[in-house]
Amino acid sequence: MFNYLLHIGTFFKLENFGGLTLMVSSFIIVGTVVYRYGEGWSWLDSYYFSVMTLSTVGYGDFNPTTPFTKIFTTVYVLAGLGVILNFVSAFQEHRYAAIHKTAEDMDEANKDVGEELFKEKSKNQEQ
């Protein structure tokens, strides 16, 4: 678990991920503010609805009721989904690269150990 958290930390240190994180955060904040004032929901409910909408979970426990928030929601989903998918895709690519690098490092270590064992075995056979 600790290694996973460290991996997430390295994700946010890369230069292009800061911009993605800012965009995702901005979309969630804008949605939260619009639903707070457009629907009169609490801040927590507005935040919850924004995240559930952008993540396409949509439990259906909240629904926009005013014409403005209905129109906003359609635009919000179409624009926000692209941002969220870009963020998730970038994170997945980062994870894949880290896993691939770890596998290469392990292969290299196994090769080194194999060579050392071969040398030891050859030395023992000579004696």
Protein backbone atom coordinates (compact mmCIF):
# COMPACT_ATOMS: atom_id res chain seq x y z
CA MET A 1 0.00 0.00 0.00
CA PHE A 2 2.81 2.38 0.91
CA ASN A 3 4.54 1.71 -2.42
CA TYR A 4 1.31 2.50 -4.26
CA LEU A 5 1.04 5.84 -2.45
CA LEU A 6 4.65 6.63 -3.36
CA HIS A 7 3.83 5.77 -6.97
CA ILE A 8 0.88 8.16 -6.93
CA GLY A 9 3.21 10.84 -5.54
CA THR A 10 5.60 10.42 -8.48
CA PHE A 11 2.64 10.76 -10.85
CA PHE A 12 1.83 14.25 -9.56
CA LYS A 13 5.47 15.37 -9.77
CA LEU A 14 5.60 14.96 -13.54
CA GLU A 15 5.09 18.24 -15.40
CA ASN A 16 2.04 17.47 -17.56
CA PHE A 17 0.09 15.84 -14.74
CA GLY A 18 -0.03 19.05 -12.72
CA GLY A 19 -2.04 20.68 -15.50
CA LEU A 20 -4.38 17.70 -15.73
CA THR A 21 -4.90 17.73 -11.98
CA LEU A 22 -5.66 21.44 -12.10
CA MET A 23 -8.19 20.92 -14.91
CA VAL A 24 -9.96 18.07 -13.08
CA SER A 25 -10.04 20.08 -9.86
CA SER A 26 -11.36 23.13 -11.71
CA PHE A 27 -14.15 21.14 -13.33
CA ILE A 28 -15.21 19.71 -9.98
CA ILE A 29 -15.11 23.15 -8.32
CA VAL A 30 -17.12 24.80 -11.13
CA GLY A 31 -19.70 22.01 -11.02
CA THR A 32 -19.95 22.24 -7.25
CA VAL A 33 -20.52 26.01 -7.35
CA VAL A 34 -23.10 25.80 -10.17
CA TYR A 35 -25.10 23.07 -8.44
CA ARG A 36 -24.84 24.81 -5.07
CA TYR A 37 -26.40 28.01 -6.39
CA GLY A 38 -28.38 26.63 -9.34
CA GLU A 39 -30.10 23.86 -7.40
CA GLY A 40 -29.74 25.12 -3.84
CA TRP A 41 -28.06 21.90 -2.71
CA SER A 42 -25.56 21.84 0.15
CA TRP A 43 -21.86 22.15 -0.68
CA LEU A 44 -21.34 18.47 0.08
CA ASP A 45 -24.28 17.36 -2.07
CA SER A 46 -23.13 19.62 -4.91
CA TYR A 47 -19.58 18.26 -4.72
CA TYR A 48 -20.87 14.69 -4.53
CA PHE A 49 -23.10 15.19 -7.59
CA SER A 50 -20.24 16.77 -9.55
CA VAL A 51 -17.90 13.85 -8.88
CA MET A 52 -20.57 11.21 -9.51
CA THR A 53 -21.53 12.93 -12.77
CA LEU A 54 -17.97 13.29 -14.09
CA SER A 55 -17.09 9.74 -13.11
CA THR A 56 -20.24 8.54 -14.93
CA VAL A 57 -21.39 6.64 -11.82
CA GLY A 58 -24.61 8.63 -11.49
CA TYR A 59 -26.49 6.86 -8.71
CA GLY A 60 -29.60 8.89 -9.52
CA ASP A 61 -30.10 10.14 -5.97
CA PHE A 62 -29.82 13.75 -7.20
CA ASN A 63 -31.16 15.18 -10.45
CA PRO A 64 -30.94 18.67 -11.91
CA THR A 65 -34.39 20.27 -11.86
CA THR A 66 -33.97 23.76 -13.32
CA PRO A 67 -33.60 24.35 -17.06
CA PHE A 68 -30.24 26.07 -16.51
CA THR A 69 -28.73 23.20 -14.53
CA LYS A 70 -30.10 20.63 -16.98
CA ILE A 71 -28.38 22.40 -19.88
CA PHE A 72 -25.27 22.95 -17.78
CA THR A 73 -25.16 19.25 -16.90
CA THR A 74 -25.19 18.17 -20.54
CA VAL A 75 -22.28 20.47 -21.38
CA TYR A 76 -20.56 19.58 -18.09
CA VAL A 77 -20.67 15.86 -18.84
CA LEU A 78 -19.49 16.18 -22.43
CA ALA A 79 -16.57 18.49 -21.60
CA GLY A 80 -15.72 17.02 -18.21
CA LEU A 81 -15.70 13.43 -19.36
CA GLY A 82 -12.91 14.20 -21.81
CA VAL A 83 -10.84 15.81 -19.07
CA ILE A 84 -11.43 12.93 -16.65
CA LEU A 85 -10.61 10.30 -19.28
CA ASN A 86 -7.43 12.17 -20.20
CA PHE A 87 -6.41 12.23 -16.53
CA VAL A 88 -7.14 8.52 -16.02
CA SER A 89 -5.36 7.61 -19.26
CA ALA A 90 -2.26 9.59 -18.28
CA PHE A 91 -2.22 7.93 -14.86
CA GLN A 92 -2.57 4.48 -16.42
CA GLU A 93 0.28 5.18 -18.85
CA HIS A 94 2.44 6.27 -15.92
CA ARG A 95 1.58 3.05 -14.03
CA TYR A 96 2.32 0.92 -17.09
CA ALA A 97 5.70 2.60 -17.58
CA ALA A 98 6.60 2.07 -13.92
CA ILE A 99 5.57 -1.60 -14.04
CA HIS A 100 7.48 -2.11 -17.29
CA LYS A 101 10.60 -0.49 -15.79
CA THR A 102 10.35 -2.68 -12.69
CA ALA A 103 10.08 -5.79 -14.87
CA GLU A 104 13.16 -4.73 -16.86
CA ASP A 105 15.08 -4.09 -13.63
CA MET A 106 14.09 -7.52 -12.34
CA ASP A 107 15.19 -9.18 -15.59
CA GLU A 108 18.54 -7.42 -15.37
CA ALA A 109 18.97 -8.46 -11.72
CA ASN A 110 18.07 -12.07 -12.58
CA LYS A 111 20.61 -12.04 -15.40
CA ASP A 112 23.31 -10.73 -13.06
CA VAL A 113 22.49 -13.36 -10.43
CA GLY A 114 22.52 -16.08 -13.09
CA GLU A 115 25.96 -15.00 -14.30
CA GLU A 116 27.30 -14.97 -10.74
CA LEU A 117 25.92 -18.46 -10.11
CA PHE A 118 27.45 -19.71 -13.35
CA LYS A 119 30.84 -18.25 -12.35
CA GLU A 120 30.62 -19.85 -8.90
CA LYS A 121 29.63 -23.20 -10.38
CA SER A 122 32.51 -23.04 -12.90
CA LYS A 123 34.96 -22.12 -10.13
CA ASN A 124 33.77 -25.02 -7.97
CA GLN A 125 34.08 -27.48 -10.85
CA GLU A 126 37.69 -26.36 -11.52
CA GLN A 127 38.67 -27.11 -7.94
